[in-house]
Amino acid sequence: MKNFNFKIREWIKFKVLRPMLLGLGNSMGPYSAVGMHPVYDNSDFPWTVLLETNYPVIRKELEKVLVDQERLPSLQQIQREQEVLNQDNRWQTFFLYGFGTKVTRNCALCPETTSLLEQIPDMKTAFFSVLAPGKHIPAHKGLFKGIIRSHLGMIIPGRPGDCRMRIEQREIHWKEGEVVVFDDTFDHEVWNDTDKTRVVLLIDVLRPFRGPLAWLNRGVVKLIGKSSFVTEAMKNHRQWEARFYARQGVT
């Protein structure tokens, strides 16, 4: 029954919800205060300076998290729908915020990072994205243009281009301490062609709109946050938290 329900949710997500959200987002996108582009200039998002300036602080807290790297959850452990992208355990996460919900115990391990994140206007999701050596994330697209994504390069091994992301026809080479802002509804894929772990701090913010479209965007994102796809993911995360912190004696 659980697998049947999962298949029904997948059908709804890909055949109903995805086209609906993509259509709505594409119709709203041209009216955004920052337009529609695969990759953005950081000057459109002043908070990127805050992250880059404080990279050493964030890096120090990340290193504490990575002490227990083998126990971090894979993405599909949290969000089962991501199995289409990640069928092994080599794409791991450490969530601080998920669709506006604060992961309190994780944030307590990274208090300065959390304080910085909470200064970002309309920040909804933030987590360390940990990619194993040799890992490739196949081409995919996000669901809704009401969100804009960014990566702060945290640990980027190898030569320039060994760790990279393609967005449409453009190739991004992360650099430690630098932010890349992009629209994940454009086709994109990721490679780690090194023998070491790659880590970025992934952050989602609301796309800026003016007037009624800003209200509409907030409303749609709020509804997505209340959907079973998000609530089940948060439930899975709470179960992982309970196991993770029980071993550390934290309740």
Protein backbone atom coordinates (compact mmCIF):
# COMPACT_ATOMS: atom_id res chain seq x y z
CA MET A 1 0.00 0.00 0.00
CA LYS A 2 2.85 2.41 0.84
CA ASN A 3 4.45 1.87 -2.59
CA PHE A 4 1.06 2.31 -4.26
CA ASN A 5 0.48 5.60 -2.44
CA PHE A 6 3.97 6.73 -3.40
CA LYS A 7 3.28 5.97 -7.08
CA ILE A 8 0.03 7.93 -6.89
CA ARG A 9 1.85 10.90 -5.37
CA GLU A 10 4.52 10.64 -8.06
CA TRP A 11 1.85 10.63 -10.77
CA ILE A 12 0.15 13.67 -9.24
CA LYS A 13 3.47 15.46 -8.84
CA PHE A 14 4.77 14.90 -12.38
CA LYS A 15 1.51 14.82 -14.36
CA VAL A 16 -0.55 17.42 -12.50
CA LEU A 17 1.38 19.52 -9.97
CA ARG A 18 4.60 20.03 -11.94
CA PRO A 19 2.95 21.27 -15.18
CA MET A 20 0.59 23.49 -13.19
CA LEU A 21 3.37 25.08 -11.13
CA LEU A 22 5.71 25.44 -14.09
CA GLY A 23 2.96 27.08 -16.13
CA LEU A 24 2.05 29.49 -13.35
CA GLY A 25 5.68 30.31 -12.63
CA ASN A 26 6.52 30.88 -16.30
CA SER A 27 3.61 33.28 -16.63
CA MET A 28 4.68 35.19 -13.50
CA GLY A 29 8.43 35.15 -14.14
CA PRO A 30 8.69 38.00 -16.68
CA TYR A 31 7.13 40.35 -14.13
CA SER A 32 9.70 39.55 -11.45
CA ALA A 33 11.82 42.42 -10.18
CA VAL A 34 14.89 40.47 -11.36
CA GLY A 35 13.45 39.04 -14.60
CA MET A 36 13.98 35.47 -15.81
CA HIS A 37 17.56 34.30 -16.27
CA PRO A 38 19.30 30.94 -15.76
CA VAL A 39 22.06 32.66 -13.71
CA TYR A 40 21.85 36.02 -11.92
CA ASP A 41 24.28 38.77 -11.12
CA ASN A 42 24.96 38.75 -7.38
CA SER A 43 24.37 42.51 -7.28
CA ASP A 44 20.64 41.74 -7.62
CA PHE A 45 20.85 40.00 -4.23
CA PRO A 46 22.86 42.13 -1.77
CA TRP A 47 22.76 39.44 0.93
CA THR A 48 25.26 37.40 -1.11
CA VAL A 49 27.97 39.77 0.21
CA LEU A 50 27.00 38.81 3.77
CA LEU A 51 27.57 35.13 3.01
CA GLU A 52 30.82 35.62 1.15
CA THR A 53 32.25 37.90 3.82
CA ASN A 54 31.43 35.35 6.52
CA TYR A 55 32.54 32.26 4.61
CA PRO A 56 35.32 31.41 7.15
CA VAL A 57 32.77 31.35 9.99
CA ILE A 58 30.39 29.10 8.04
CA ARG A 59 33.25 26.83 6.94
CA LYS A 60 34.33 26.34 10.55
CA GLU A 61 30.83 25.22 11.58
CA LEU A 62 30.54 22.96 8.51
CA GLU A 63 33.71 21.17 9.56
CA LYS A 64 32.05 20.27 12.89
CA VAL A 65 29.08 18.83 10.97
CA LEU A 66 31.34 16.74 8.73
CA VAL A 67 32.84 14.94 11.72
CA ASP A 68 29.68 12.78 11.49
CA GLN A 69 29.47 12.82 7.70
CA GLU A 70 28.81 9.09 7.38
CA ARG A 71 25.63 9.54 9.45
CA LEU A 72 24.19 12.40 7.43
CA PRO A 73 21.01 11.47 5.53
CA SER A 74 20.92 11.06 1.77
CA LEU A 75 18.53 13.37 -0.03
CA GLN A 76 16.09 10.59 -0.86
CA GLN A 77 15.94 9.52 2.80
CA ILE A 78 14.36 12.91 3.47
CA GLN A 79 12.43 13.42 0.25
CA ARG A 80 11.60 10.10 -1.32
CA GLU A 81 10.62 11.69 -4.62
CA GLN A 82 14.31 12.50 -5.16
CA GLU A 83 15.08 8.83 -5.82
CA VAL A 84 14.84 9.65 -9.54
CA LEU A 85 17.97 11.80 -9.10
CA ASN A 86 19.82 10.01 -6.32
CA GLN A 87 19.54 6.24 -6.10
CA ASP A 88 22.55 5.77 -3.84
CA ASN A 89 23.66 7.41 -0.60
CA ARG A 90 26.27 9.70 -2.15
CA TRP A 91 24.27 12.93 -2.11
CA GLN A 92 23.83 13.87 1.54
CA THR A 93 22.20 16.80 3.31
CA PHE A 94 22.34 18.72 6.56
CA PHE A 95 19.22 20.88 6.78
CA LEU A 96 19.04 24.11 8.75
CA TYR A 97 15.74 25.30 7.27
CA GLY A 98 13.22 23.44 5.13
CA PHE A 99 10.48 25.46 3.44
CA GLY A 100 10.44 27.96 6.27
CA THR A 101 10.66 25.39 9.07
CA LYS A 102 13.69 25.74 11.33
CA VAL A 103 15.56 22.53 12.16
CA THR A 104 16.31 23.59 15.70
CA ARG A 105 18.86 20.99 16.76
CA ASN A 106 20.84 21.26 13.53
CA CYS A 107 20.80 25.05 13.83
CA ALA A 108 22.14 24.73 17.37
CA LEU A 109 25.24 23.03 15.91
CA CYS A 110 25.71 25.95 13.52
CA PRO A 111 24.59 29.04 15.47
CA GLU A 112 26.60 31.63 13.55
CA THR A 113 25.59 30.20 10.17
CA THR A 114 21.97 30.22 11.32
CA SER A 115 22.24 33.85 12.44
CA LEU A 116 23.57 34.82 9.02
CA LEU A 117 20.84 32.89 7.20
CA GLU A 118 18.15 34.58 9.26
CA GLN A 119 19.35 37.94 7.96
CA ILE A 120 18.52 36.95 4.37
CA PRO A 121 15.17 38.40 3.27
CA ASP A 122 12.54 35.76 2.48
CA MET A 123 14.91 32.82 3.04
CA LYS A 124 12.90 29.59 2.96
CA THR A 125 15.33 26.67 2.72
CA ALA A 126 18.99 26.23 3.62
CA PHE A 127 21.11 23.11 3.86
CA PHE A 128 24.63 21.85 3.30
CA SER A 129 24.61 19.77 0.12
CA VAL A 130 27.32 17.11 0.35
CA LEU A 131 28.35 15.38 -2.88
CA ALA A 132 30.52 12.27 -2.78
CA PRO A 133 33.58 11.73 -5.00
CA GLY A 134 32.66 10.85 -8.56
CA LYS A 135 28.97 11.69 -8.07
CA HIS A 136 26.87 12.93 -10.99
CA ILE A 137 23.39 14.41 -10.53
CA PRO A 138 21.50 13.99 -13.83
CA ALA A 139 19.73 16.81 -15.64
CA HIS A 140 16.58 18.02 -13.91
CA LYS A 141 14.40 21.09 -13.31
CA GLY A 142 12.81 22.66 -10.25
CA LEU A 143 9.06 22.96 -9.82
CA PHE A 144 8.25 26.64 -9.43
CA LYS A 145 9.79 29.96 -10.51
CA GLY A 146 8.59 31.59 -7.30
CA ILE A 147 11.86 30.41 -5.72
CA ILE A 148 15.41 31.47 -6.57
CA ARG A 149 18.31 29.25 -5.51
CA SER A 150 21.90 29.98 -4.59
CA HIS A 151 25.02 27.99 -3.75
CA LEU A 152 27.82 29.21 -1.50
CA GLY A 153 30.91 27.19 -2.38
CA MET A 154 32.14 25.59 0.85
CA ILE A 155 34.51 22.74 -0.06
CA ILE A 156 35.38 22.60 -3.77
CA PRO A 157 38.15 20.07 -4.47
CA GLY A 158 40.18 19.52 -7.60
CA ARG A 159 41.03 21.81 -10.48
CA PRO A 160 38.61 24.46 -11.77
CA GLY A 161 35.85 22.61 -13.58
CA ASP A 162 36.32 19.26 -11.84
CA CYS A 163 33.31 20.25 -9.71
CA ARG A 164 30.80 21.99 -11.93
CA MET A 165 27.15 22.65 -12.71
CA ARG A 166 25.60 23.10 -16.14
CA ILE A 167 22.59 25.43 -16.33
CA GLU A 168 21.13 25.37 -19.85
CA GLN A 169 24.20 26.15 -22.01
CA ARG A 170 26.22 27.81 -19.26
CA GLU A 171 28.77 25.97 -17.11
CA ILE A 172 29.38 27.08 -13.52
CA HIS A 173 32.61 26.29 -11.69
CA TRP A 174 32.11 26.79 -7.94
CA LYS A 175 34.75 28.58 -5.92
CA GLU A 176 35.14 28.38 -2.17
CA GLY A 177 33.65 31.44 -0.50
CA GLU A 178 31.74 32.61 -3.60
CA VAL A 179 27.97 32.58 -4.21
CA VAL A 180 26.23 31.56 -7.43
CA VAL A 181 22.58 32.60 -7.78
CA PHE A 182 20.43 30.76 -10.33
CA ASP A 183 16.94 29.68 -11.36
CA ASP A 184 16.63 25.95 -10.81
CA THR A 185 13.59 25.65 -13.10
CA PHE A 186 16.07 25.79 -16.00
CA ASP A 187 17.61 22.47 -17.02
CA HIS A 188 20.70 21.79 -14.92
CA GLU A 189 23.01 18.98 -13.81
CA VAL A 190 26.00 18.58 -11.51
CA TRP A 191 29.32 16.70 -11.49
CA ASN A 192 31.98 16.00 -8.88
CA ASP A 193 34.80 14.52 -10.96
CA THR A 194 37.25 14.36 -8.06
CA ASP A 195 38.20 11.82 -5.41
CA LYS A 196 37.11 14.14 -2.59
CA THR A 197 33.82 15.42 -1.16
CA ARG A 198 32.24 18.61 -2.56
CA VAL A 199 30.04 20.76 -0.29
CA VAL A 200 27.93 23.84 -1.01
CA LEU A 201 25.49 25.73 1.20
CA LEU A 202 22.23 25.68 -0.76
CA ILE A 203 19.76 28.50 -0.06
CA ASP A 204 16.29 29.14 -1.50
CA VAL A 205 14.67 32.58 -1.30
CA LEU A 206 11.39 33.93 -2.60
CA ARG A 207 11.67 35.45 -6.05
CA PRO A 208 11.06 39.19 -5.68
CA PHE A 209 7.80 40.50 -7.15
CA ARG A 210 5.88 43.72 -6.65
CA GLY A 211 2.30 44.26 -5.56
CA PRO A 212 -0.30 41.50 -6.05
CA LEU A 213 2.17 39.08 -7.64
CA ALA A 214 4.28 39.17 -4.46
CA TRP A 215 1.20 38.14 -2.47
CA LEU A 216 0.33 35.44 -5.01
CA ASN A 217 3.87 34.07 -4.92
CA ARG A 218 3.92 33.94 -1.12
CA GLY A 219 0.56 32.18 -1.16
CA VAL A 220 1.66 29.53 -3.66
CA VAL A 221 4.92 28.85 -1.80
CA LYS A 222 2.96 28.58 1.45
CA LEU A 223 0.62 26.02 -0.13
CA ILE A 224 3.59 24.02 -1.42
CA GLY A 225 4.98 24.07 2.13
CA LYS A 226 1.74 22.54 3.40
CA SER A 227 1.63 19.83 0.73
CA SER A 228 2.26 16.18 1.51
CA PHE A 229 5.53 16.32 -0.40
CA VAL A 230 6.96 18.80 2.11
CA THR A 231 5.22 17.61 5.27
CA GLU A 232 6.30 14.02 4.65
CA ALA A 233 9.86 15.16 4.01
CA MET A 234 9.88 17.05 7.30
CA LYS A 235 8.49 13.98 9.06
CA ASN A 236 11.30 11.87 7.59
CA HIS A 237 13.80 14.48 8.73
CA ARG A 238 12.46 14.46 12.29
CA GLN A 239 12.88 10.68 12.37
CA TRP A 240 16.48 11.00 11.20
CA GLU A 241 17.09 13.73 13.80
CA ALA A 242 15.79 11.52 16.59
CA ARG A 243 18.23 8.75 15.67
CA PHE A 244 21.15 11.09 15.04
CA TYR A 245 20.87 13.04 18.28
CA ALA A 246 19.94 10.04 20.44
CA ARG A 247 23.41 8.65 19.76
CA GLN A 248 24.88 11.96 20.93
CA GLY A 249 22.75 12.03 24.06
CA VAL A 250 20.79 15.10 22.85
CA THR A 251 17.03 15.06 23.28
